[in-house]
């Protein structure tokens, strides 16, 4: 599955676009807009995404990649 397909599936499940997840990451101090914030571990982001949005591990890791700066 391509990265874009992961993001499309995530948007279908959550109703949130990649840009909205970027804002979500900044609002929670997980990311700076240019990458992950200093000291932030992927596990903390994954746990928050699973809890808030019910995402599985693979989809949560796609959002981590997005927050790290991977283009959508």
Protein backbone atom coordinates (compact mmCIF):
# COMPACT_ATOMS: atom_id res chain seq x y z
CA UNK A 1 0.00 0.00 0.00
CA UNK A 2 1.35 3.43 -0.90
CA UNK A 3 1.82 6.22 1.60
CA UNK A 4 -0.96 8.20 -0.09
CA UNK A 5 -3.30 5.21 0.20
CA UNK A 6 -2.55 5.02 3.95
CA UNK A 7 -3.38 8.71 4.32
CA UNK A 8 -6.56 8.33 2.24
CA UNK A 9 -7.69 5.44 4.45
CA UNK A 10 -6.90 7.42 7.59
CA UNK A 11 -8.91 10.37 6.30
CA UNK A 12 -11.85 8.09 5.46
CA UNK A 13 -11.76 6.64 9.00
CA UNK A 14 -11.17 9.85 10.97
CA UNK A 15 -12.45 12.62 8.71
CA UNK A 16 -9.10 14.41 9.20
CA UNK A 17 -6.84 15.47 6.34
CA UNK A 18 -3.04 15.29 6.44
CA UNK A 19 -2.93 19.05 7.10
CA UNK A 20 -5.30 18.62 10.05
CA UNK A 21 -3.01 15.91 11.47
CA UNK A 22 -0.03 18.23 11.03
CA UNK A 23 -1.91 20.85 13.06
CA UNK A 24 -2.89 18.18 15.61
CA UNK A 25 0.80 17.28 16.02
CA UNK A 26 1.82 20.91 16.50
CA UNK A 27 -1.03 21.59 18.92
CA UNK A 28 0.13 18.71 21.12
CA UNK A 29 3.80 19.69 20.89
CA UNK A 30 4.67 16.47 19.05
CA UNK A 31 5.99 18.33 16.01
CA UNK A 32 7.38 21.66 14.94
CA UNK A 33 6.14 21.71 11.38
CA UNK A 34 9.64 20.83 10.17
CA UNK A 35 9.84 17.50 12.00
CA UNK A 36 9.30 15.96 15.39
CA UNK A 37 9.85 18.17 18.41
CA UNK A 38 13.00 17.52 20.43
CA UNK A 39 12.68 14.52 22.71
CA UNK A 40 9.40 13.27 21.24
CA UNK A 41 9.32 9.53 20.61
CA UNK A 42 7.16 7.84 18.00
CA UNK A 43 5.60 5.63 20.69
CA UNK A 44 4.02 8.62 22.43
CA UNK A 45 2.47 9.81 19.17
CA UNK A 46 1.25 6.32 18.27
CA UNK A 47 -0.37 5.91 21.68
CA UNK A 48 -2.17 9.26 21.34
CA UNK A 49 -3.38 8.43 17.82
CA UNK A 50 -4.66 5.01 18.91
CA UNK A 51 -6.44 6.55 21.90
CA UNK A 52 -7.91 9.62 20.19
CA UNK A 53 -8.71 8.25 16.75
CA UNK A 54 -8.74 4.46 17.09
CA UNK A 55 -5.96 4.07 14.54
CA UNK A 56 -4.03 0.83 14.24
CA UNK A 57 -0.27 0.74 14.55
CA UNK A 58 0.47 0.95 10.81
CA UNK A 59 -1.82 3.91 10.23
CA UNK A 60 -0.48 5.66 13.33
CA UNK A 61 3.08 5.18 12.05
CA UNK A 62 2.02 6.78 8.76
CA UNK A 63 0.99 9.87 10.72
CA UNK A 64 4.32 9.80 12.56
CA UNK A 65 6.04 9.80 9.15
CA UNK A 66 3.83 12.71 8.11
CA UNK A 67 4.82 14.64 11.24
CA UNK A 68 8.48 13.87 10.55
CA UNK A 69 8.09 15.66 7.23
CA UNK A 70 7.22 12.99 4.67
CA UNK A 71 5.20 14.62 1.91
CA UNK A 72 1.63 13.52 1.41
